[in-house]
Amino acid sequence: MEIKVIRESNDIATPGQFSVDGAQLCYSLEPKTPKTDADRIAGKCCVPVGKYIVKPRFEGEVFEWMKKLVPDVAKWGIPHIMNIPGVDYPYWCENSEKSDPYGISADRFVLLHIGNSIDDTLGCCLLGLERVGQNKLQRSTDAFNRVFAQIKQPMRDGTLTIEYVEK
């Protein structure tokens, strides 16, 4: 199963269209795409264009609050975007000495989760059923539940990928 995020970045954030196996399910929102050296702030950039593996994560602060909002997260895990290359993506890594085998800093994780504005993410992908302007989402919990129902089994099976592309 494949998730595809088609992005159209602006000066504030990186909004996108979020689909699963070709069917658009919702909108996405991430931090802005770095365009200049001044934009390249560790932990405050979206992941680079590319294709990544998504596996469940069963620990961490986001997992703890998400399992309260979406009880199935406790059983299935929160979607964790893996294999982001730290060498190619140093702006998400705060300290390369802490990099895990997947390249990103061991104390940072890129996840799919609930949130409505850029203030709700450090580098994760937020989901929403409605867009308010370009840089805010609404009905995020509904969007996450819609997506999660489709991806939880492939995520657990190790057959889920996410591809980020620019419009």
N, C-alpha and C. Protein backbone atom coordinates (compact mmCIF):
# COMPACT_ATOMS: atom_id res chain seq x y z
N MET A 1 0.86 -1.18 0.00
CA MET A 1 0.00 0.00 0.00
C MET A 1 0.89 1.23 0.00
N GLU A 2 0.45 2.26 -0.75
CA GLU A 2 1.27 3.47 -0.84
C GLU A 2 0.46 4.72 -0.51
N ILE A 3 1.05 5.52 0.37
CA ILE A 3 0.55 6.87 0.64
C ILE A 3 1.31 7.79 -0.29
N LYS A 4 0.61 8.78 -0.83
CA LYS A 4 1.29 9.80 -1.64
C LYS A 4 0.86 11.17 -1.12
N VAL A 5 1.84 12.03 -0.91
CA VAL A 5 1.60 13.40 -0.48
C VAL A 5 2.10 14.31 -1.59
N ILE A 6 1.16 15.02 -2.22
CA ILE A 6 1.52 15.96 -3.28
C ILE A 6 1.53 17.35 -2.65
N ARG A 7 2.73 17.92 -2.58
CA ARG A 7 2.95 19.17 -1.86
C ARG A 7 2.97 20.38 -2.78
N GLU A 8 2.59 21.51 -2.17
CA GLU A 8 2.72 22.80 -2.84
C GLU A 8 3.14 23.80 -1.76
N SER A 9 4.44 23.95 -1.59
CA SER A 9 4.95 24.75 -0.48
C SER A 9 4.73 26.24 -0.69
N ASN A 10 4.71 26.97 0.42
CA ASN A 10 4.62 28.42 0.38
C ASN A 10 5.63 28.99 1.38
N ASP A 11 5.56 30.25 1.70
CA ASP A 11 6.55 30.88 2.57
C ASP A 11 6.37 30.54 4.04
N ILE A 12 5.26 29.93 4.41
CA ILE A 12 4.97 29.65 5.82
C ILE A 12 4.97 28.16 6.13
N ALA A 13 4.42 27.35 5.21
CA ALA A 13 4.23 25.92 5.48
C ALA A 13 4.30 25.13 4.18
N THR A 14 4.06 23.82 4.31
CA THR A 14 4.01 22.94 3.14
C THR A 14 2.69 22.17 3.17
N PRO A 15 1.63 22.75 2.61
CA PRO A 15 0.36 22.04 2.51
C PRO A 15 0.41 21.01 1.40
N GLY A 16 -0.46 20.01 1.48
CA GLY A 16 -0.48 19.00 0.44
C GLY A 16 -1.79 18.26 0.36
N GLN A 17 -1.88 17.42 -0.64
CA GLN A 17 -3.01 16.51 -0.81
C GLN A 17 -2.51 15.12 -0.45
N PHE A 18 -3.28 14.40 0.36
CA PHE A 18 -2.87 13.13 0.93
C PHE A 18 -3.76 12.02 0.37
N SER A 19 -3.13 11.05 -0.30
CA SER A 19 -3.91 9.95 -0.88
C SER A 19 -3.34 8.60 -0.45
N VAL A 20 -4.19 7.60 -0.50
CA VAL A 20 -3.80 6.22 -0.22
C VAL A 20 -4.21 5.39 -1.43
N ASP A 21 -3.23 4.73 -2.04
CA ASP A 21 -3.45 3.94 -3.25
C ASP A 21 -4.26 4.69 -4.30
N GLY A 22 -3.93 5.96 -4.50
CA GLY A 22 -4.52 6.76 -5.54
C GLY A 22 -5.80 7.49 -5.19
N ALA A 23 -6.40 7.20 -4.04
CA ALA A 23 -7.63 7.87 -3.64
C ALA A 23 -7.31 8.98 -2.63
N GLN A 24 -7.65 10.23 -2.99
CA GLN A 24 -7.39 11.32 -2.05
C GLN A 24 -8.33 11.19 -0.86
N LEU A 25 -7.72 11.14 0.34
CA LEU A 25 -8.50 10.99 1.56
C LEU A 25 -8.60 12.26 2.38
N CYS A 26 -7.58 13.13 2.26
CA CYS A 26 -7.57 14.33 3.10
C CYS A 26 -6.47 15.27 2.63
N TYR A 27 -6.22 16.28 3.44
CA TYR A 27 -5.13 17.23 3.20
C TYR A 27 -4.02 16.99 4.21
N SER A 28 -2.84 17.48 3.91
CA SER A 28 -1.71 17.37 4.83
C SER A 28 -1.12 18.75 5.07
N LEU A 29 -0.36 18.84 6.14
CA LEU A 29 0.34 20.08 6.46
C LEU A 29 1.64 19.73 7.16
N GLU A 30 2.73 20.34 6.69
CA GLU A 30 4.06 20.13 7.25
C GLU A 30 4.76 21.48 7.38
N PRO A 31 5.89 21.51 8.08
CA PRO A 31 6.68 22.75 8.12
C PRO A 31 7.11 23.13 6.71
N LYS A 32 7.60 24.35 6.56
CA LYS A 32 7.95 24.81 5.23
C LYS A 32 9.13 24.05 4.64
N THR A 33 9.17 24.06 3.32
CA THR A 33 10.25 23.45 2.57
C THR A 33 11.40 24.43 2.52
N PRO A 34 12.60 24.03 2.94
CA PRO A 34 13.73 24.97 2.90
C PRO A 34 14.08 25.35 1.47
N LYS A 35 14.19 26.65 1.24
CA LYS A 35 14.56 27.15 -0.09
C LYS A 35 15.89 27.90 -0.05
N THR A 36 16.23 28.43 1.12
CA THR A 36 17.50 29.15 1.29
C THR A 36 18.16 28.64 2.56
N ASP A 37 19.42 28.99 2.76
CA ASP A 37 20.12 28.58 3.97
C ASP A 37 19.43 29.10 5.22
N ALA A 38 18.81 30.26 5.16
CA ALA A 38 18.12 30.83 6.31
C ALA A 38 16.89 30.00 6.69
N ASP A 39 16.32 29.27 5.73
CA ASP A 39 15.15 28.42 5.98
C ASP A 39 15.52 27.08 6.60
N ARG A 40 16.77 26.75 6.56
CA ARG A 40 17.20 25.41 6.97
C ARG A 40 17.44 25.37 8.47
N ILE A 41 16.35 25.13 9.21
CA ILE A 41 16.39 25.11 10.67
C ILE A 41 16.17 23.68 11.14
N ALA A 42 17.10 23.15 11.90
CA ALA A 42 17.00 21.77 12.38
C ALA A 42 15.68 21.55 13.10
N GLY A 43 14.98 20.46 12.72
CA GLY A 43 13.74 20.09 13.36
C GLY A 43 12.54 20.91 12.96
N LYS A 44 12.69 21.83 12.00
CA LYS A 44 11.55 22.67 11.60
C LYS A 44 11.41 22.72 10.08
N CYS A 45 11.75 21.62 9.43
CA CYS A 45 11.62 21.51 7.98
C CYS A 45 10.83 20.25 7.66
N CYS A 46 10.18 20.24 6.50
CA CYS A 46 9.51 19.01 6.08
C CYS A 46 10.57 18.03 5.56
N VAL A 47 10.20 16.76 5.51
CA VAL A 47 11.15 15.77 5.01
C VAL A 47 11.35 15.99 3.51
N PRO A 48 12.48 15.58 2.98
CA PRO A 48 12.72 15.79 1.55
C PRO A 48 11.83 14.92 0.67
N VAL A 49 11.66 15.35 -0.56
CA VAL A 49 10.94 14.56 -1.55
C VAL A 49 11.59 13.19 -1.61
N GLY A 50 10.78 12.16 -1.69
CA GLY A 50 11.30 10.80 -1.75
C GLY A 50 10.27 9.81 -1.27
N LYS A 51 10.68 8.55 -1.26
CA LYS A 51 9.80 7.45 -0.85
C LYS A 51 10.38 6.81 0.40
N TYR A 52 9.52 6.58 1.39
CA TYR A 52 9.95 6.09 2.69
C TYR A 52 9.05 4.96 3.19
N ILE A 53 9.58 4.20 4.11
CA ILE A 53 8.85 3.11 4.76
C ILE A 53 8.08 3.70 5.95
N VAL A 54 6.88 3.18 6.21
CA VAL A 54 6.09 3.59 7.38
C VAL A 54 5.88 2.37 8.25
N LYS A 55 6.32 2.46 9.50
CA LYS A 55 6.17 1.36 10.46
C LYS A 55 5.53 1.89 11.74
N PRO A 56 4.97 1.02 12.55
CA PRO A 56 4.36 1.48 13.80
C PRO A 56 5.39 1.83 14.85
N ARG A 57 5.05 2.83 15.65
CA ARG A 57 5.88 3.23 16.80
C ARG A 57 4.99 3.16 18.05
N PHE A 58 5.52 2.57 19.11
CA PHE A 58 4.75 2.33 20.33
C PHE A 58 5.31 3.06 21.54
N GLU A 59 5.99 4.15 21.34
CA GLU A 59 6.52 4.91 22.47
C GLU A 59 6.67 6.36 22.08
N GLY A 60 6.89 7.19 23.08
CA GLY A 60 7.11 8.60 22.85
C GLY A 60 5.91 9.46 23.23
N GLU A 61 6.17 10.73 23.34
CA GLU A 61 5.16 11.70 23.77
C GLU A 61 3.95 11.74 22.84
N VAL A 62 4.20 11.77 21.53
CA VAL A 62 3.10 11.84 20.58
C VAL A 62 2.27 10.55 20.62
N PHE A 63 2.94 9.41 20.72
CA PHE A 63 2.22 8.13 20.84
C PHE A 63 1.31 8.16 22.07
N GLU A 64 1.80 8.68 23.19
CA GLU A 64 1.02 8.69 24.43
C GLU A 64 -0.24 9.54 24.30
N TRP A 65 -0.15 10.74 23.71
CA TRP A 65 -1.37 11.55 23.61
C TRP A 65 -2.26 11.10 22.47
N MET A 66 -1.67 10.54 21.41
CA MET A 66 -2.49 10.05 20.30
C MET A 66 -3.32 8.84 20.68
N LYS A 67 -2.79 7.95 21.52
CA LYS A 67 -3.57 6.77 21.89
C LYS A 67 -4.78 7.14 22.76
N LYS A 68 -4.74 8.31 23.39
CA LYS A 68 -5.91 8.79 24.13
C LYS A 68 -6.97 9.33 23.18
N LEU A 69 -6.55 9.96 22.08
CA LEU A 69 -7.48 10.51 21.10
C LEU A 69 -8.02 9.45 20.15
N VAL A 70 -7.16 8.49 19.82
CA VAL A 70 -7.52 7.41 18.89
C VAL A 70 -7.10 6.10 19.56
N PRO A 71 -8.02 5.46 20.29
CA PRO A 71 -7.65 4.26 21.06
C PRO A 71 -6.97 3.16 20.25
N ASP A 72 -7.28 3.02 18.95
CA ASP A 72 -6.63 2.00 18.12
C ASP A 72 -5.12 2.20 18.01
N VAL A 73 -4.64 3.41 18.23
CA VAL A 73 -3.20 3.67 18.17
C VAL A 73 -2.46 2.85 19.22
N ALA A 74 -3.07 2.62 20.38
CA ALA A 74 -2.44 1.81 21.43
C ALA A 74 -2.15 0.39 20.93
N LYS A 75 -3.06 -0.15 20.13
CA LYS A 75 -2.92 -1.52 19.62
C LYS A 75 -2.02 -1.59 18.37
N TRP A 76 -2.18 -0.61 17.46
CA TRP A 76 -1.53 -0.69 16.16
C TRP A 76 -0.26 0.15 16.05
N GLY A 77 -0.08 1.14 16.95
CA GLY A 77 1.06 2.03 16.89
C GLY A 77 0.74 3.28 16.08
N ILE A 78 1.60 4.26 16.21
CA ILE A 78 1.45 5.50 15.45
C ILE A 78 2.31 5.40 14.20
N PRO A 79 1.83 5.88 13.05
CA PRO A 79 2.62 5.78 11.82
C PRO A 79 3.93 6.59 11.91
N HIS A 80 5.03 5.88 11.76
CA HIS A 80 6.38 6.42 11.91
C HIS A 80 7.07 6.32 10.56
N ILE A 81 7.45 7.45 10.00
CA ILE A 81 8.11 7.49 8.69
C ILE A 81 9.60 7.24 8.90
N MET A 82 10.07 6.17 8.30
CA MET A 82 11.42 5.67 8.52
C MET A 82 12.34 5.99 7.34
N ASN A 83 13.57 5.60 7.47
CA ASN A 83 14.64 5.64 6.46
C ASN A 83 14.85 7.02 5.84
N ILE A 84 14.63 8.08 6.63
CA ILE A 84 14.94 9.42 6.15
C ILE A 84 16.45 9.60 6.27
N PRO A 85 17.14 9.83 5.18
CA PRO A 85 18.60 9.85 5.23
C PRO A 85 19.16 11.12 5.90
N GLY A 86 19.77 10.94 7.04
CA GLY A 86 20.33 12.07 7.77
C GLY A 86 21.43 12.79 7.02
N VAL A 87 22.20 12.06 6.24
CA VAL A 87 23.28 12.69 5.47
C VAL A 87 22.69 13.65 4.43
N ASP A 88 21.60 13.23 3.79
CA ASP A 88 20.96 14.07 2.78
C ASP A 88 20.00 15.08 3.39
N TYR A 89 19.68 14.92 4.67
CA TYR A 89 18.68 15.76 5.31
C TYR A 89 19.15 16.26 6.66
N PRO A 90 20.29 16.97 6.69
CA PRO A 90 20.86 17.38 7.97
C PRO A 90 20.02 18.42 8.70
N TYR A 91 19.07 19.03 8.04
CA TYR A 91 18.30 20.09 8.68
C TYR A 91 17.23 19.55 9.62
N TRP A 92 16.92 18.27 9.50
CA TRP A 92 15.99 17.68 10.45
C TRP A 92 16.75 17.09 11.62
N CYS A 93 17.99 16.71 11.38
CA CYS A 93 18.83 16.14 12.43
C CYS A 93 19.39 17.28 13.29
N GLU A 94 19.13 17.25 14.57
CA GLU A 94 19.69 18.28 15.43
C GLU A 94 21.12 17.96 15.84
N ASN A 95 21.45 16.68 15.83
CA ASN A 95 22.79 16.28 16.23
C ASN A 95 23.11 14.97 15.52
N SER A 96 23.98 15.01 14.54
CA SER A 96 24.26 13.82 13.76
C SER A 96 24.90 12.71 14.59
N GLU A 97 25.50 13.05 15.74
CA GLU A 97 26.06 12.02 16.60
C GLU A 97 24.98 11.14 17.20
N LYS A 98 23.75 11.64 17.25
CA LYS A 98 22.63 10.89 17.80
C LYS A 98 21.83 10.17 16.72
N SER A 99 22.29 10.18 15.49
CA SER A 99 21.51 9.59 14.41
C SER A 99 21.29 8.10 14.63
N ASP A 100 20.08 7.66 14.33
CA ASP A 100 19.77 6.24 14.43
C ASP A 100 20.09 5.58 13.08
N PRO A 101 19.86 4.26 12.94
CA PRO A 101 20.19 3.59 11.69
C PRO A 101 19.44 4.14 10.48
N TYR A 102 18.35 4.88 10.72
CA TYR A 102 17.57 5.42 9.62
C TYR A 102 17.98 6.84 9.26
N GLY A 103 18.97 7.39 9.95
CA GLY A 103 19.52 8.67 9.56
C GLY A 103 19.08 9.85 10.38
N ILE A 104 17.83 9.86 10.88
CA ILE A 104 17.38 11.02 11.63
C ILE A 104 17.85 10.94 13.08
N SER A 105 17.85 12.05 13.74
CA SER A 105 18.29 12.11 15.12
C SER A 105 17.49 11.13 15.97
N ALA A 106 18.16 10.42 16.86
CA ALA A 106 17.52 9.38 17.66
C ALA A 106 16.46 9.94 18.59
N ASP A 107 16.51 11.23 18.92
CA ASP A 107 15.49 11.78 19.81
C ASP A 107 14.40 12.54 19.05
N ARG A 108 14.35 12.38 17.73
CA ARG A 108 13.32 13.02 16.90
C ARG A 108 12.68 11.95 16.02
N PHE A 109 11.41 12.11 15.75
CA PHE A 109 10.70 11.14 14.92
C PHE A 109 9.75 11.86 13.99
N VAL A 110 9.62 11.39 12.77
CA VAL A 110 8.67 11.94 11.82
C VAL A 110 7.46 11.00 11.81
N LEU A 111 6.31 11.54 12.18
CA LEU A 111 5.11 10.74 12.34
C LEU A 111 3.96 11.33 11.54
N LEU A 112 2.91 10.55 11.32
CA LEU A 112 1.62 11.06 10.85
C LEU A 112 0.78 11.22 12.10
N HIS A 113 0.22 12.42 12.32
CA HIS A 113 -0.61 12.59 13.52
C HIS A 113 -1.59 13.73 13.37
N ILE A 114 -2.41 13.89 14.39
CA ILE A 114 -3.44 14.92 14.46
C ILE A 114 -2.79 16.27 14.74
N GLY A 115 -3.33 17.32 14.12
CA GLY A 115 -2.86 18.68 14.36
C GLY A 115 -3.51 19.61 13.35
N ASN A 116 -3.62 20.88 13.72
CA ASN A 116 -4.33 21.83 12.86
C ASN A 116 -3.47 22.93 12.26
N SER A 117 -2.33 23.20 12.85
CA SER A 117 -1.50 24.30 12.34
C SER A 117 -0.03 23.92 12.42
N ILE A 118 0.78 24.74 11.82
CA ILE A 118 2.22 24.51 11.78
C ILE A 118 2.81 24.47 13.19
N ASP A 119 2.13 25.11 14.15
CA ASP A 119 2.58 25.08 15.54
C ASP A 119 2.45 23.70 16.16
N ASP A 120 1.70 22.80 15.52
CA ASP A 120 1.47 21.46 16.04
C ASP A 120 2.47 20.44 15.54
N THR A 121 3.47 20.87 14.79
CA THR A 121 4.44 19.93 14.24
C THR A 121 5.85 20.50 14.24
N LEU A 122 6.83 19.62 14.41
CA LEU A 122 8.24 19.99 14.27
C LEU A 122 8.80 19.44 12.96
N GLY A 123 8.10 18.54 12.34
CA GLY A 123 8.57 17.93 11.10
C GLY A 123 7.64 16.83 10.66
N CYS A 124 6.64 16.55 11.48
CA CYS A 124 5.67 15.50 11.18
C CYS A 124 4.66 15.97 10.15
N CYS A 125 3.87 15.03 9.66
CA CYS A 125 2.84 15.29 8.68
C CYS A 125 1.48 15.28 9.38
N LEU A 126 0.81 16.42 9.39
CA LEU A 126 -0.52 16.55 9.99
C LEU A 126 -1.58 16.27 8.94
N LEU A 127 -2.74 15.77 9.38
CA LEU A 127 -3.82 15.44 8.47
C LEU A 127 -5.08 16.22 8.83
N GLY A 128 -5.88 16.60 7.83
CA GLY A 128 -7.15 17.28 8.06
C GLY A 128 -8.10 17.06 6.91
N LEU A 129 -9.40 17.02 7.21
CA LEU A 129 -10.39 16.86 6.15
C LEU A 129 -10.69 18.17 5.44
N GLU A 130 -10.46 19.27 6.13
CA GLU A 130 -10.73 20.58 5.54
C GLU A 130 -9.50 21.47 5.68
N ARG A 131 -9.33 22.34 4.71
CA ARG A 131 -8.25 23.32 4.73
C ARG A 131 -8.84 24.69 4.99
N VAL A 132 -8.19 25.45 5.86
CA VAL A 132 -8.57 26.83 6.11
C VAL A 132 -7.43 27.67 5.54
N GLY A 133 -7.66 28.29 4.40
CA GLY A 133 -6.56 28.94 3.72
C GLY A 133 -5.55 27.88 3.30
N GLN A 134 -4.30 28.26 3.22
CA GLN A 134 -3.25 27.32 2.83
C GLN A 134 -2.57 26.66 4.01
N ASN A 135 -2.62 27.28 5.20
CA ASN A 135 -1.74 26.86 6.27
C ASN A 135 -2.42 26.38 7.55
N LYS A 136 -3.68 26.03 7.47
CA LYS A 136 -4.39 25.47 8.62
C LYS A 136 -5.30 24.35 8.17
N LEU A 137 -5.50 23.39 9.06
CA LEU A 137 -6.39 22.27 8.80
C LEU A 137 -7.49 22.23 9.84
N GLN A 138 -8.62 21.62 9.46
CA GLN A 138 -9.70 21.35 10.40
C GLN A 138 -10.11 19.90 10.26
N ARG A 139 -10.79 19.40 11.30
CA ARG A 139 -11.26 18.02 11.34
C ARG A 139 -10.08 17.03 11.20
N SER A 140 -9.05 17.33 11.94
CA SER A 140 -7.84 16.53 11.89
C SER A 140 -8.06 15.12 12.45
N THR A 141 -8.78 15.03 13.56
CA THR A 141 -9.04 13.69 14.15
C THR A 141 -9.82 12.83 13.18
N ASP A 142 -10.83 13.41 12.52
CA ASP A 142 -11.60 12.66 11.53
C ASP A 142 -10.72 12.18 10.38
N ALA A 143 -9.83 13.05 9.92
CA ALA A 143 -8.93 12.67 8.83
C ALA A 143 -7.99 11.56 9.26
N PHE A 144 -7.41 11.70 10.46
CA PHE A 144 -6.50 10.66 10.93
C PHE A 144 -7.23 9.32 11.03
N ASN A 145 -8.43 9.31 11.58
CA ASN A 145 -9.20 8.06 11.70
C ASN A 145 -9.50 7.45 10.34
N ARG A 146 -9.82 8.28 9.37
CA ARG A 146 -10.11 7.79 8.01
C ARG A 146 -8.87 7.13 7.41
N VAL A 147 -7.74 7.79 7.53
CA VAL A 147 -6.49 7.26 6.99
C VAL A 147 -6.05 6.02 7.78
N PHE A 148 -6.08 6.12 9.09
CA PHE A 148 -5.58 5.05 9.95
C PHE A 148 -6.33 3.74 9.72
N ALA A 149 -7.64 3.81 9.49
CA ALA A 149 -8.43 2.61 9.23
C ALA A 149 -7.89 1.84 8.02
N GLN A 150 -7.37 2.56 7.04
CA GLN A 150 -6.85 1.91 5.83
C GLN A 150 -5.41 1.47 5.94
N ILE A 151 -4.62 2.17 6.72
CA ILE A 151 -3.17 1.89 6.70
C ILE A 151 -2.66 1.04 7.86
N LYS A 152 -3.45 0.85 8.91
CA LYS A 152 -2.91 0.20 10.11
C LYS A 152 -2.41 -1.23 9.85
N GLN A 153 -3.13 -2.02 9.08
CA GLN A 153 -2.67 -3.39 8.82
C GLN A 153 -1.44 -3.41 7.92
N PRO A 154 -1.43 -2.70 6.78
CA PRO A 154 -0.20 -2.67 5.98
C PRO A 154 1.00 -2.08 6.75
N MET A 155 0.73 -1.10 7.62
CA MET A 155 1.81 -0.54 8.44
C MET A 155 2.41 -1.63 9.32
N ARG A 156 1.56 -2.41 9.98
CA ARG A 156 2.03 -3.49 10.84
C ARG A 156 2.74 -4.57 10.03
N ASP A 157 2.23 -4.85 8.83
CA ASP A 157 2.82 -5.89 7.98
C ASP A 157 4.14 -5.47 7.34
N GLY A 158 4.47 -4.18 7.41
CA GLY A 158 5.71 -3.70 6.79
C GLY A 158 5.59 -3.44 5.31
N THR A 159 4.34 -3.30 4.81
CA THR A 159 4.13 -3.11 3.37
C THR A 159 3.64 -1.70 3.04
N LEU A 160 3.73 -0.78 4.00
CA LEU A 160 3.26 0.59 3.78
C LEU A 160 4.42 1.52 3.46
N THR A 161 4.25 2.30 2.40
CA THR A 161 5.26 3.32 2.07
C THR A 161 4.55 4.67 1.94
N ILE A 162 5.34 5.73 2.03
CA ILE A 162 4.85 7.07 1.80
C ILE A 162 5.79 7.75 0.82
N GLU A 163 5.22 8.39 -0.19
CA GLU A 163 6.02 9.11 -1.16
C GLU A 163 5.62 10.58 -1.15
N TYR A 164 6.63 11.45 -1.00
CA TYR A 164 6.43 12.89 -1.05
C TYR A 164 6.87 13.39 -2.40
N VAL A 165 6.00 14.14 -3.07
CA VAL A 165 6.33 14.74 -4.36
C VAL A 165 5.93 16.22 -4.34
N GLU A 166 6.60 17.00 -5.16
CA GLU A 166 6.26 18.43 -5.31
C GLU A 166 5.32 18.58 -6.48
N LYS A 167 4.33 19.44 -6.33
CA LYS A 167 3.36 19.70 -7.40
C LYS A 167 4.03 20.48 -8.52
